[in-house]
């Protein structure tokens, strides 16, 4: 099927990753439909796309049967980005997290059958690896050890997908994403790299817990390219597969991230402390996606840190304190 014949439904497409992915898909000639509830008042992240002939937007909740069925009309492929993303917000709204991250996705899977869908891509998280018992990088078949409700919901839905593979008349692929970074139309400053870079660029004192804990990182442009790579790869290479998304070179400790920031910020105020509330500590191997799909990242944490600091120094994102929830996943309107 040619690209111009494929119609991609991006659920959660107005978010941090989705607003980048949608533009890349349109640029490559795909038709794109975004379904988004805009829970962070982030409609401006894709409003400029309204003039694109191959773009359409649907406002609504993908847990609503009517909304979901309407959004699937004419769709050939589905990318599920929508979720309550991150440990803090899932902890704050546990019942809603279970609904949005687990109940709704299970319902979605059921709706995809007999709809002529070709590909379904679920974006999971490397947080599923949680706390590693040894120093070896986690691979796709490594034990999962979720340390939060957020990761628990992702792990459970992964298992649901894989347990139901034989009953699906479409190809399902699970992508475990490294911690995202990079500038987006729906920017987030509640993620490690952007938060650290902004706070220190503004001359604020940064309190850092457990600076030697490891985490993998991946730019949102590279995450988007991984999704596109799955859409464009032969079915037999991606059907029923799980891929870690990132680069072996982009595994960092918090202290290593801070050392990169110190290249661009003079005399940053950093206060290190032990005993943080986040026990996660893991490195991840990205050999499988490189070897199977010939996928490689292009962006580095170093480059992105420099871009963010330059933006802050030029007084961009100066409204973060006034629009905190636009720039991070902090709270929800409980009429959701």
C-alpha atoms as a PDB file:
ATOM      1  CA  UNK A   1       0.000   0.000   0.000  1.00  0.00           C
ATOM      2  CA  UNK A   2       1.372   3.402  -1.006  1.00  0.00           C
ATOM      3  CA  UNK A   3       1.891   6.083   1.636  1.00  0.00           C
ATOM      4  CA  UNK A   4      -0.773   8.356   0.187  1.00  0.00           C
ATOM      5  CA  UNK A   5      -3.276   5.494   0.526  1.00  0.00           C
ATOM      6  CA  UNK A   6      -2.579   5.001   4.223  1.00  0.00           C
ATOM      7  CA  UNK A   7      -4.598   6.918   6.794  1.00  0.00           C
ATOM      8  CA  UNK A   8      -2.928   6.968  10.213  1.00  0.00           C
ATOM      9  CA  UNK A   9      -5.008   7.512  13.340  1.00  0.00           C
ATOM     10  CA  UNK A  10      -2.798   8.972  16.072  1.00  0.00           C
ATOM     11  CA  UNK A  11      -4.606   8.706  19.397  1.00  0.00           C
ATOM     12  CA  UNK A  12      -3.092  11.343  21.650  1.00  0.00           C
ATOM     13  CA  UNK A  13      -1.596  13.080  18.638  1.00  0.00           C
ATOM     14  CA  UNK A  14      -1.649  16.587  20.117  1.00  0.00           C
ATOM     15  CA  UNK A  15       0.754  15.669  22.913  1.00  0.00           C
ATOM     16  CA  UNK A  16       4.490  15.916  23.466  1.00  0.00           C
ATOM     17  CA  UNK A  17       5.387  13.114  21.043  1.00  0.00           C
ATOM     18  CA  UNK A  18       2.242  13.127  18.919  1.00  0.00           C
ATOM     19  CA  UNK A  19       2.549  16.721  17.749  1.00  0.00           C
ATOM     20  CA  UNK A  20       5.995  15.867  16.357  1.00  0.00           C
ATOM     21  CA  UNK A  21       4.972  12.492  14.906  1.00  0.00           C
ATOM     22  CA  UNK A  22       1.914  13.940  13.142  1.00  0.00           C
ATOM     23  CA  UNK A  23       4.023  16.522  11.322  1.00  0.00           C
ATOM     24  CA  UNK A  24       6.533  13.908  10.230  1.00  0.00           C
ATOM     25  CA  UNK A  25       3.773  11.654   8.901  1.00  0.00           C
ATOM     26  CA  UNK A  26       2.190  14.495   6.942  1.00  0.00           C
ATOM     27  CA  UNK A  27       5.574  15.485   5.531  1.00  0.00           C
ATOM     28  CA  UNK A  28       6.048  11.927   4.261  1.00  0.00           C
ATOM     29  CA  UNK A  29       2.689  11.987   2.463  1.00  0.00           C
ATOM     30  CA  UNK A  30       0.489  10.041   4.874  1.00  0.00           C
ATOM     31  CA  UNK A  31      -3.049  11.080   5.721  1.00  0.00           C
ATOM     32  CA  UNK A  32      -3.243  11.814   9.436  1.00  0.00           C
ATOM     33  CA  UNK A  33      -6.172  11.951  11.813  1.00  0.00           C
ATOM     34  CA  UNK A  34      -5.602  12.962  15.418  1.00  0.00           C
ATOM     35  CA  UNK A  35      -7.990  11.893  18.163  1.00  0.00           C
ATOM     36  CA  UNK A  36      -7.264  13.789  21.371  1.00  0.00           C
ATOM     37  CA  UNK A  37      -9.151  14.853  24.515  1.00  0.00           C
ATOM     38  CA  UNK A  38      -6.775  17.816  25.000  1.00  0.00           C
ATOM     39  CA  UNK A  39      -6.665  17.277  28.753  1.00  0.00           C
ATOM     40  CA  UNK A  40      -3.762  19.722  29.094  1.00  0.00           C
ATOM     41  CA  UNK A  41      -5.424  22.465  27.011  1.00  0.00           C
ATOM     42  CA  UNK A  42      -2.911  21.729  24.268  1.00  0.00           C
ATOM     43  CA  UNK A  43      -4.970  22.339  21.121  1.00  0.00           C
ATOM     44  CA  UNK A  44      -2.488  25.005  20.007  1.00  0.00           C
ATOM     45  CA  UNK A  45       0.134  22.291  19.504  1.00  0.00           C
ATOM     46  CA  UNK A  46      -1.557  21.156  16.277  1.00  0.00           C
ATOM     47  CA  UNK A  47      -3.825  24.086  15.364  1.00  0.00           C
ATOM     48  CA  UNK A  48      -1.465  25.148  12.565  1.00  0.00           C
ATOM     49  CA  UNK A  49      -2.068  21.812  10.828  1.00  0.00           C
ATOM     50  CA  UNK A  50      -5.717  22.634  10.094  1.00  0.00           C
ATOM     51  CA  UNK A  51      -4.797  23.934   6.633  1.00  0.00           C
ATOM     52  CA  UNK A  52      -3.105  20.661   5.658  1.00  0.00           C
ATOM     53  CA  UNK A  53      -5.251  18.791   3.126  1.00  0.00           C
ATOM     54  CA  UNK A  54      -4.296  15.381   4.522  1.00  0.00           C
ATOM     55  CA  UNK A  55      -4.995  16.309   8.148  1.00  0.00           C
ATOM     56  CA  UNK A  56      -8.088  15.993  10.292  1.00  0.00           C
ATOM     57  CA  UNK A  57      -8.686  16.418  14.005  1.00  0.00           C
ATOM     58  CA  UNK A  58     -11.291  14.810  16.220  1.00  0.00           C
ATOM     59  CA  UNK A  59     -11.868  15.973  19.759  1.00  0.00           C
ATOM     60  CA  UNK A  60     -12.942  13.239  22.123  1.00  0.00           C
ATOM     61  CA  UNK A  61     -12.210  10.401  24.476  1.00  0.00           C
ATOM     62  CA  UNK A  62     -10.973   7.160  22.930  1.00  0.00           C
ATOM     63  CA  UNK A  63     -12.866   5.317  25.661  1.00  0.00           C
ATOM     64  CA  UNK A  64     -16.146   6.492  24.113  1.00  0.00           C
ATOM     65  CA  UNK A  65     -17.466   3.846  21.694  1.00  0.00           C
ATOM     66  CA  UNK A  66     -19.123   6.338  19.340  1.00  0.00           C
ATOM     67  CA  UNK A  67     -16.075   8.607  19.185  1.00  0.00           C
ATOM     68  CA  UNK A  68     -13.773   5.643  18.671  1.00  0.00           C
ATOM     69  CA  UNK A  69     -15.812   4.099  15.862  1.00  0.00           C
ATOM     70  CA  UNK A  70     -16.066   7.438  14.072  1.00  0.00           C
ATOM     71  CA  UNK A  71     -12.329   7.994  14.359  1.00  0.00           C
ATOM     72  CA  UNK A  72     -11.611   4.561  12.881  1.00  0.00           C
ATOM     73  CA  UNK A  73     -13.628   5.155   9.691  1.00  0.00           C
ATOM     74  CA  UNK A  74     -11.254   5.013   6.742  1.00  0.00           C
ATOM     75  CA  UNK A  75      -8.269   4.377   8.989  1.00  0.00           C
ATOM     76  CA  UNK A  76      -5.572   1.927   7.873  1.00  0.00           C
ATOM     77  CA  UNK A  77      -3.181   2.154  10.836  1.00  0.00           C
ATOM     78  CA  UNK A  78      -3.465   3.124  14.507  1.00  0.00           C
ATOM     79  CA  UNK A  79      -0.816   4.566  16.833  1.00  0.00           C
ATOM     80  CA  UNK A  80      -1.773   4.676  20.511  1.00  0.00           C
ATOM     81  CA  UNK A  81       0.083   7.429  22.359  1.00  0.00           C
ATOM     82  CA  UNK A  82      -2.758   8.537  24.635  1.00  0.00           C
ATOM     83  CA  UNK A  83      -2.304   7.747  28.320  1.00  0.00           C
ATOM     84  CA  UNK A  84      -1.843   9.292  31.704  1.00  0.00           C
ATOM     85  CA  UNK A  85       1.909   9.509  31.246  1.00  0.00           C
ATOM     86  CA  UNK A  86       4.338   9.389  34.129  1.00  0.00           C
ATOM     87  CA  UNK A  87       4.511   8.138  37.681  1.00  0.00           C
ATOM     88  CA  UNK A  88       3.388  11.330  39.497  1.00  0.00           C
ATOM     89  CA  UNK A  89       0.100  11.902  37.669  1.00  0.00           C
ATOM     90  CA  UNK A  90      -0.843   8.210  37.800  1.00  0.00           C
ATOM     91  CA  UNK A  91      -0.198   8.226  41.539  1.00  0.00           C
ATOM     92  CA  UNK A  92      -2.367  11.337  41.893  1.00  0.00           C
ATOM     93  CA  UNK A  93      -5.272   9.850  39.889  1.00  0.00           C
ATOM     94  CA  UNK A  94      -4.945   6.050  40.273  1.00  0.00           C
ATOM     95  CA  UNK A  95      -8.490   5.088  39.256  1.00  0.00           C
ATOM     96  CA  UNK A  96      -8.377   7.245  36.145  1.00  0.00           C
ATOM     97  CA  UNK A  97      -4.904   5.931  35.311  1.00  0.00           C
ATOM     98  CA  UNK A  98      -6.210   2.363  35.305  1.00  0.00           C
ATOM     99  CA  UNK A  99      -9.109   3.408  33.109  1.00  0.00           C
ATOM    100  CA  UNK A 100      -7.142   5.443  30.539  1.00  0.00           C
ATOM    101  CA  UNK A 101      -4.006   3.279  30.463  1.00  0.00           C
ATOM    102  CA  UNK A 102      -5.659  -0.132  30.628  1.00  0.00           C
ATOM    103  CA  UNK A 103      -9.444  -0.265  30.291  1.00  0.00           C
ATOM    104  CA  UNK A 104      -9.674   2.049  27.281  1.00  0.00           C
ATOM    105  CA  UNK A 105      -6.770   0.409  25.389  1.00  0.00           C
ATOM    106  CA  UNK A 106      -8.342  -3.034  25.884  1.00  0.00           C
ATOM    107  CA  UNK A 107     -11.583  -1.683  24.445  1.00  0.00           C
ATOM    108  CA  UNK A 108      -9.639  -0.187  21.530  1.00  0.00           C
ATOM    109  CA  UNK A 109      -8.113  -3.566  20.692  1.00  0.00           C
ATOM    110  CA  UNK A 110     -11.580  -5.079  20.470  1.00  0.00           C
ATOM    111  CA  UNK A 111     -12.778  -2.298  18.156  1.00  0.00           C
ATOM    112  CA  UNK A 112      -9.894  -2.765  15.710  1.00  0.00           C
ATOM    113  CA  UNK A 113     -11.007  -6.228  14.595  1.00  0.00           C
ATOM    114  CA  UNK A 114     -12.847  -6.397  11.249  1.00  0.00           C
ATOM    115  CA  UNK A 115     -11.974  -2.768  10.465  1.00  0.00           C
ATOM    116  CA  UNK A 116      -9.353  -3.457   7.737  1.00  0.00           C
ATOM    117  CA  UNK A 117      -6.636  -2.102  10.030  1.00  0.00           C
ATOM    118  CA  UNK A 118      -3.112  -2.991   8.870  1.00  0.00           C
ATOM    119  CA  UNK A 119      -0.896  -1.937  11.791  1.00  0.00           C
ATOM    120  CA  UNK A 120      -1.418  -1.176  15.474  1.00  0.00           C
ATOM    121  CA  UNK A 121       1.471   0.399  17.394  1.00  0.00           C
ATOM    122  CA  UNK A 122       1.399   0.718  21.164  1.00  0.00           C
ATOM    123  CA  UNK A 123       3.887   3.029  22.833  1.00  0.00           C
ATOM    124  CA  UNK A 124       4.934   1.487  26.121  1.00  0.00           C
ATOM    125  CA  UNK A 125       7.887   2.467  28.312  1.00  0.00           C
ATOM    126  CA  UNK A 126      11.338   1.295  29.348  1.00  0.00           C
ATOM    127  CA  UNK A 127      10.196   2.097  32.893  1.00  0.00           C
ATOM    128  CA  UNK A 128       8.757  -1.410  32.779  1.00  0.00           C
ATOM    129  CA  UNK A 129      12.259  -2.684  33.588  1.00  0.00           C
ATOM    130  CA  UNK A 130      12.172  -0.721  36.831  1.00  0.00           C
ATOM    131  CA  UNK A 131      14.927  -1.833  39.149  1.00  0.00           C
ATOM    132  CA  UNK A 132      17.573  -4.113  37.652  1.00  0.00           C
ATOM    133  CA  UNK A 133      19.266  -6.713  39.857  1.00  0.00           C
ATOM    134  CA  UNK A 134      22.463  -6.624  37.811  1.00  0.00           C
ATOM    135  CA  UNK A 135      24.425  -4.137  35.729  1.00  0.00           C
ATOM    136  CA  UNK A 136      23.635  -5.623  32.306  1.00  0.00           C
ATOM    137  CA  UNK A 137      21.438  -3.556  29.966  1.00  0.00           C
ATOM    138  CA  UNK A 138      17.820  -4.731  29.819  1.00  0.00           C
ATOM    139  CA  UNK A 139      16.745  -6.455  26.618  1.00  0.00           C
ATOM    140  CA  UNK A 140      13.222  -7.021  25.358  1.00  0.00           C
ATOM    141  CA  UNK A 141      13.082 -10.494  26.924  1.00  0.00           C
ATOM    142  CA  UNK A 142      14.471  -9.337  30.283  1.00  0.00           C
ATOM    143  CA  UNK A 143      12.317  -9.612  33.389  1.00  0.00           C
ATOM    144  CA  UNK A 144       9.925  -6.716  33.874  1.00  0.00           C
ATOM    145  CA  UNK A 145       9.992  -5.106  37.297  1.00  0.00           C
ATOM    146  CA  UNK A 146       7.585  -2.133  37.297  1.00  0.00           C
ATOM    147  CA  UNK A 147       8.024   0.222  40.242  1.00  0.00           C
ATOM    148  CA  UNK A 148       4.937   2.385  39.756  1.00  0.00           C
ATOM    149  CA  UNK A 149       1.271   2.229  38.801  1.00  0.00           C
ATOM    150  CA  UNK A 150       2.166   3.864  35.474  1.00  0.00           C
ATOM    151  CA  UNK A 151       4.553   1.059  34.545  1.00  0.00           C
ATOM    152  CA  UNK A 152       2.202  -1.598  35.934  1.00  0.00           C
ATOM    153  CA  UNK A 153      -0.570  -0.486  33.566  1.00  0.00           C
ATOM    154  CA  UNK A 154       1.838  -0.520  30.625  1.00  0.00           C
ATOM    155  CA  UNK A 155       3.082  -4.016  31.485  1.00  0.00           C
ATOM    156  CA  UNK A 156      -0.438  -5.370  31.857  1.00  0.00           C
ATOM    157  CA  UNK A 157      -1.597  -3.975  28.519  1.00  0.00           C
ATOM    158  CA  UNK A 158       1.522  -5.292  26.795  1.00  0.00           C
ATOM    159  CA  UNK A 159       0.604  -8.757  28.063  1.00  0.00           C
ATOM    160  CA  UNK A 160      -2.983  -8.308  26.920  1.00  0.00           C
ATOM    161  CA  UNK A 161      -1.817  -7.488  23.393  1.00  0.00           C
ATOM    162  CA  UNK A 162       0.552 -10.448  23.212  1.00  0.00           C
ATOM    163  CA  UNK A 163      -1.981 -12.853  24.734  1.00  0.00           C
ATOM    164  CA  UNK A 164      -4.498 -11.907  22.037  1.00  0.00           C
ATOM    165  CA  UNK A 165      -2.183 -11.848  19.018  1.00  0.00           C
ATOM    166  CA  UNK A 166      -3.769 -14.898  17.383  1.00  0.00           C
ATOM    167  CA  UNK A 167      -7.248 -13.362  17.419  1.00  0.00           C
ATOM    168  CA  UNK A 168      -6.093 -10.106  15.789  1.00  0.00           C
ATOM    169  CA  UNK A 169      -6.536  -9.555  12.039  1.00  0.00           C
ATOM    170  CA  UNK A 170      -3.916  -6.775  12.055  1.00  0.00           C
ATOM    171  CA  UNK A 171      -0.252  -6.492  12.977  1.00  0.00           C
ATOM    172  CA  UNK A 172       0.512  -5.334  16.545  1.00  0.00           C
ATOM    173  CA  UNK A 173       3.862  -3.925  17.671  1.00  0.00           C
ATOM    174  CA  UNK A 174       4.931  -2.756  21.122  1.00  0.00           C
ATOM    175  CA  UNK A 175       7.529   0.005  21.448  1.00  0.00           C
ATOM    176  CA  UNK A 176       9.139   0.500  24.854  1.00  0.00           C
ATOM    177  CA  UNK A 177      10.262   4.108  24.755  1.00  0.00           C
ATOM    178  CA  UNK A 178      13.272   5.507  26.554  1.00  0.00           C
ATOM    179  CA  UNK A 179      12.670   8.677  28.578  1.00  0.00           C
ATOM    180  CA  UNK A 180      11.776  11.346  26.047  1.00  0.00           C
ATOM    181  CA  UNK A 181      13.505  14.684  25.540  1.00  0.00           C
ATOM    182  CA  UNK A 182      13.569  17.467  22.965  1.00  0.00           C
ATOM    183  CA  UNK A 183      11.645  20.617  22.050  1.00  0.00           C
ATOM    184  CA  UNK A 184       8.040  20.048  20.999  1.00  0.00           C
ATOM    185  CA  UNK A 185       4.973  22.089  20.036  1.00  0.00           C
ATOM    186  CA  UNK A 186       3.530  20.784  23.304  1.00  0.00           C
ATOM    187  CA  UNK A 187       6.679  21.243  25.350  1.00  0.00           C
ATOM    188  CA  UNK A 188       7.175  19.463  28.674  1.00  0.00           C
ATOM    189  CA  UNK A 189       9.397  20.679  31.496  1.00  0.00           C
ATOM    190  CA  UNK A 190       8.549  17.854  33.888  1.00  0.00           C
ATOM    191  CA  UNK A 191      10.989  15.432  32.243  1.00  0.00           C
ATOM    192  CA  UNK A 192      14.556  15.004  33.473  1.00  0.00           C
ATOM    193  CA  UNK A 193      16.589  16.639  30.709  1.00  0.00           C
ATOM    194  CA  UNK A 194      14.301  19.603  30.031  1.00  0.00           C
ATOM    195  CA  UNK A 195      13.599  20.188  33.730  1.00  0.00           C
ATOM    196  CA  UNK A 196      17.261  20.104  34.741  1.00  0.00           C
ATOM    197  CA  UNK A 197      18.332  22.300  31.811  1.00  0.00           C
ATOM    198  CA  UNK A 198      15.644  24.931  32.394  1.00  0.00           C
ATOM    199  CA  UNK A 199      16.080  25.160  36.159  1.00  0.00           C
ATOM    200  CA  UNK A 200      19.845  25.568  35.942  1.00  0.00           C
ATOM    201  CA  UNK A 201      19.707  27.957  32.972  1.00  0.00           C
ATOM    202  CA  UNK A 202      17.428  30.198  35.060  1.00  0.00           C
ATOM    203  CA  UNK A 203      19.951  30.172  37.895  1.00  0.00           C
ATOM    204  CA  UNK A 204      17.752  28.176  40.252  1.00  0.00           C
ATOM    205  CA  UNK A 205      19.089  25.680  42.762  1.00  0.00           C
ATOM    206  CA  UNK A 206      18.410  22.103  41.661  1.00  0.00           C
ATOM    207  CA  UNK A 207      17.927  19.349  44.217  1.00  0.00           C
ATOM    208  CA  UNK A 208      18.977  16.012  42.687  1.00  0.00           C
ATOM    209  CA  UNK A 209      18.313  12.691  44.378  1.00  0.00           C
ATOM    210  CA  UNK A 210      20.357   9.560  43.683  1.00  0.00           C
ATOM    211  CA  UNK A 211      22.554  11.085  40.991  1.00  0.00           C
ATOM    212  CA  UNK A 212      24.154   7.761  40.038  1.00  0.00           C
ATOM    213  CA  UNK A 213      20.939   6.030  38.947  1.00  0.00           C
ATOM    214  CA  UNK A 214      20.793   5.093  35.263  1.00  0.00           C
ATOM    215  CA  UNK A 215      18.092   5.788  32.694  1.00  0.00           C
ATOM    216  CA  UNK A 216      17.920   5.646  28.865  1.00  0.00           C
ATOM    217  CA  UNK A 217      16.897   8.738  26.890  1.00  0.00           C
ATOM    218  CA  UNK A 218      15.578   9.330  23.366  1.00  0.00           C
ATOM    219  CA  UNK A 219      14.661  12.461  21.420  1.00  0.00           C
ATOM    220  CA  UNK A 220      11.004  12.810  20.419  1.00  0.00           C
ATOM    221  CA  UNK A 221      12.034  13.153  16.764  1.00  0.00           C
ATOM    222  CA  UNK A 222      13.810   9.797  16.980  1.00  0.00           C
ATOM    223  CA  UNK A 223      10.839   8.232  18.779  1.00  0.00           C
ATOM    224  CA  UNK A 224       8.644   9.453  15.925  1.00  0.00           C
ATOM    225  CA  UNK A 225      11.039   7.946  13.382  1.00  0.00           C
ATOM    226  CA  UNK A 226      10.865   4.600  15.199  1.00  0.00           C
ATOM    227  CA  UNK A 227       7.072   4.608  14.895  1.00  0.00           C
ATOM    228  CA  UNK A 228       7.329   5.428  11.191  1.00  0.00           C
ATOM    229  CA  UNK A 229       9.940   2.693  10.768  1.00  0.00           C
ATOM    230  CA  UNK A 230       7.455   0.149  12.148  1.00  0.00           C
ATOM    231  CA  UNK A 231       4.721   1.446   9.836  1.00  0.00           C
ATOM    232  CA  UNK A 232       7.016   1.043   6.823  1.00  0.00           C
ATOM    233  CA  UNK A 233       8.766  -2.242   7.691  1.00  0.00           C
ATOM    234  CA  UNK A 234       7.673  -5.625   6.316  1.00  0.00           C
ATOM    235  CA  UNK A 235       4.911  -7.167   8.398  1.00  0.00           C
ATOM    236  CA  UNK A 236       6.930 -10.269   9.260  1.00  0.00           C
ATOM    237  CA  UNK A 237       9.572  -8.122  10.979  1.00  0.00           C
ATOM    238  CA  UNK A 238       7.195  -6.282  13.309  1.00  0.00           C
ATOM    239  CA  UNK A 239       4.124  -8.442  13.905  1.00  0.00           C
ATOM    240  CA  UNK A 240       3.852  -9.395  17.566  1.00  0.00           C
ATOM    241  CA  UNK A 241       7.262  -7.894  18.312  1.00  0.00           C
ATOM    242  CA  UNK A 242       8.506  -5.767  21.197  1.00  0.00           C
ATOM    243  CA  UNK A 243      11.252  -3.209  20.558  1.00  0.00           C
ATOM    244  CA  UNK A 244      13.133  -0.958  22.942  1.00  0.00           C
ATOM    245  CA  UNK A 245      13.381   2.496  21.340  1.00  0.00           C
ATOM    246  CA  UNK A 246      16.522   4.529  21.924  1.00  0.00           C
ATOM    247  CA  UNK A 247      20.295   4.304  21.554  1.00  0.00           C
ATOM    248  CA  UNK A 248      22.922   2.432  23.544  1.00  0.00           C
ATOM    249  CA  UNK A 249      24.948   5.654  23.621  1.00  0.00           C
ATOM    250  CA  UNK A 250      22.106   7.563  25.286  1.00  0.00           C
ATOM    251  CA  UNK A 251      22.048   5.679  28.592  1.00  0.00           C
ATOM    252  CA  UNK A 252      22.976   8.218  31.267  1.00  0.00           C
ATOM    253  CA  UNK A 253      23.065   8.676  35.016  1.00  0.00           C
ATOM    254  CA  UNK A 254      21.536  11.873  36.357  1.00  0.00           C
ATOM    255  CA  UNK A 255      25.038  13.077  37.156  1.00  0.00           C
ATOM    256  CA  UNK A 256      26.122  12.524  33.545  1.00  0.00           C
ATOM    257  CA  UNK A 257      23.166  14.620  32.347  1.00  0.00           C
ATOM    258  CA  UNK A 258      24.183  17.375  34.743  1.00  0.00           C
ATOM    259  CA  UNK A 259      27.754  17.247  33.460  1.00  0.00           C
ATOM    260  CA  UNK A 260      26.429  17.866  29.945  1.00  0.00           C
ATOM    261  CA  UNK A 261      24.411  20.832  31.190  1.00  0.00           C
ATOM    262  CA  UNK A 262      27.489  22.296  32.881  1.00  0.00           C
ATOM    263  CA  UNK A 263      29.069  22.696  29.432  1.00  0.00           C
ATOM    264  CA  UNK A 264      26.516  25.452  28.762  1.00  0.00           C
ATOM    265  CA  UNK A 265      25.629  26.822  32.217  1.00  0.00           C
ATOM    266  CA  UNK A 266      28.322  28.586  34.265  1.00  0.00           C
ATOM    267  CA  UNK A 267      28.481  27.658  37.966  1.00  0.00           C
ATOM    268  CA  UNK A 268      25.123  25.849  38.204  1.00  0.00           C
ATOM    269  CA  UNK A 269      23.580  25.451  41.648  1.00  0.00           C
ATOM    270  CA  UNK A 270      23.267  21.702  42.215  1.00  0.00           C
ATOM    271  CA  UNK A 271      22.524  20.042  45.541  1.00  0.00           C
ATOM    272  CA  UNK A 272      22.956  16.252  45.552  1.00  0.00           C
ATOM    273  CA  UNK A 273      21.009  14.080  47.986  1.00  0.00           C
ATOM    274  CA  UNK A 274      20.507  10.363  48.601  1.00  0.00           C
ATOM    275  CA  UNK A 275      17.254   8.569  49.349  1.00  0.00           C
ATOM    276  CA  UNK A 276      14.918   9.801  46.628  1.00  0.00           C
ATOM    277  CA  UNK A 277      11.376   8.497  46.160  1.00  0.00           C
ATOM    278  CA  UNK A 278      12.088   7.007  42.706  1.00  0.00           C
ATOM    279  CA  UNK A 279      13.855   3.622  42.972  1.00  0.00           C
ATOM    280  CA  UNK A 280      14.223   3.050  39.213  1.00  0.00           C
ATOM    281  CA  UNK A 281      17.743   2.279  38.071  1.00  0.00           C
ATOM    282  CA  UNK A 282      18.324   0.578  34.733  1.00  0.00           C
ATOM    283  CA  UNK A 283      20.262   0.699  31.485  1.00  0.00           C
ATOM    284  CA  UNK A 284      18.691  -0.606  28.297  1.00  0.00           C
ATOM    285  CA  UNK A 285      19.979  -2.356  25.182  1.00  0.00           C
ATOM    286  CA  UNK A 286      18.676  -1.105  21.843  1.00  0.00           C
ATOM    287  CA  UNK A 287      20.420  -3.716  19.700  1.00  0.00           C
ATOM    288  CA  UNK A 288      17.232  -5.437  18.546  1.00  0.00           C
ATOM    289  CA  UNK A 289      15.612  -2.452  16.833  1.00  0.00           C
ATOM    290  CA  UNK A 290      18.950  -1.557  15.249  1.00  0.00           C
ATOM    291  CA  UNK A 291      19.596  -5.069  13.942  1.00  0.00           C
ATOM    292  CA  UNK A 292      16.041  -5.999  12.904  1.00  0.00           C
ATOM    293  CA  UNK A 293      14.756  -2.681  11.545  1.00  0.00           C
ATOM    294  CA  UNK A 294      18.055  -0.918  10.783  1.00  0.00           C
ATOM    295  CA  UNK A 295      16.956   1.878  13.107  1.00  0.00           C
ATOM    296  CA  UNK A 296      19.375   4.404  14.538  1.00  0.00           C
ATOM    297  CA  UNK A 297      18.804   7.609  16.456  1.00  0.00           C
ATOM    298  CA  UNK A 298      20.170  10.916  15.179  1.00  0.00           C
ATOM    299  CA  UNK A 299      19.681  13.345  18.056  1.00  0.00           C
ATOM    300  CA  UNK A 300      21.720  13.442  21.250  1.00  0.00           C
ATOM    301  CA  UNK A 301      21.019  14.644  24.764  1.00  0.00           C
ATOM    302  CA  UNK A 302      23.960  17.032  24.461  1.00  0.00           C
ATOM    303  CA  UNK A 303      22.517  18.747  21.379  1.00  0.00           C
ATOM    304  CA  UNK A 304      19.056  18.993  22.905  1.00  0.00           C
ATOM    305  CA  UNK A 305      20.364  20.426  26.170  1.00  0.00           C
ATOM    306  CA  UNK A 306      22.145  23.154  24.201  1.00  0.00           C
ATOM    307  CA  UNK A 307      18.932  23.935  22.268  1.00  0.00           C
ATOM    308  CA  UNK A 308      16.822  24.137  25.425  1.00  0.00           C
ATOM    309  CA  UNK A 309      19.308  26.382  27.215  1.00  0.00           C
ATOM    310  CA  UNK A 310      19.570  28.656  24.161  1.00  0.00           C
ATOM    311  CA  UNK A 311      15.769  28.878  24.083  1.00  0.00           C
ATOM    312  CA  UNK A 312      15.618  29.777  27.780  1.00  0.00           C
ATOM    313  CA  UNK A 313      18.393  32.358  27.402  1.00  0.00           C
ATOM    314  CA  UNK A 314      16.418  33.930  24.543  1.00  0.00           C
ATOM    315  CA  UNK A 315      13.344  34.192  26.797  1.00  0.00           C
ATOM    316  CA  UNK A 316      11.338  31.503  25.051  1.00  0.00           C
ATOM    317  CA  UNK A 317       9.027  29.433  27.252  1.00  0.00           C
ATOM    318  CA  UNK A 318       8.827  32.430  29.595  1.00  0.00           C
ATOM    319  CA  UNK A 319       5.224  31.568  30.515  1.00  0.00           C
ATOM    320  CA  UNK A 320       5.982  28.191  32.118  1.00  0.00           C
ATOM    321  CA  UNK A 321       5.039  29.299  35.637  1.00  0.00           C
ATOM    322  CA  UNK A 322       1.772  30.828  34.392  1.00  0.00           C
ATOM    323  CA  UNK A 323       0.848  27.781  32.252  1.00  0.00           C
ATOM    324  CA  UNK A 324       2.440  25.038  34.289  1.00  0.00           C
ATOM    325  CA  UNK A 325      -0.003  22.321  33.248  1.00  0.00           C
ATOM    326  CA  UNK A 326       0.505  23.040  29.556  1.00  0.00           C
ATOM    327  CA  UNK A 327       4.208  22.408  30.053  1.00  0.00           C
ATOM    328  CA  UNK A 328       3.855  19.288  32.171  1.00  0.00           C
ATOM    329  CA  UNK A 329       1.560  16.492  33.271  1.00  0.00           C
ATOM    330  CA  UNK A 330       0.693  17.876  36.703  1.00  0.00           C
ATOM    331  CA  UNK A 331      -3.067  17.804  37.251  1.00  0.00           C
ATOM    332  CA  UNK A 332      -6.372  17.196  35.478  1.00  0.00           C
ATOM    333  CA  UNK A 333      -9.746  18.848  35.237  1.00  0.00           C
ATOM    334  CA  UNK A 334     -11.782  16.312  37.190  1.00  0.00           C
ATOM    335  CA  UNK A 335     -14.654  16.684  34.730  1.00  0.00           C
ATOM    336  CA  UNK A 336     -12.490  14.478  32.496  1.00  0.00           C
END
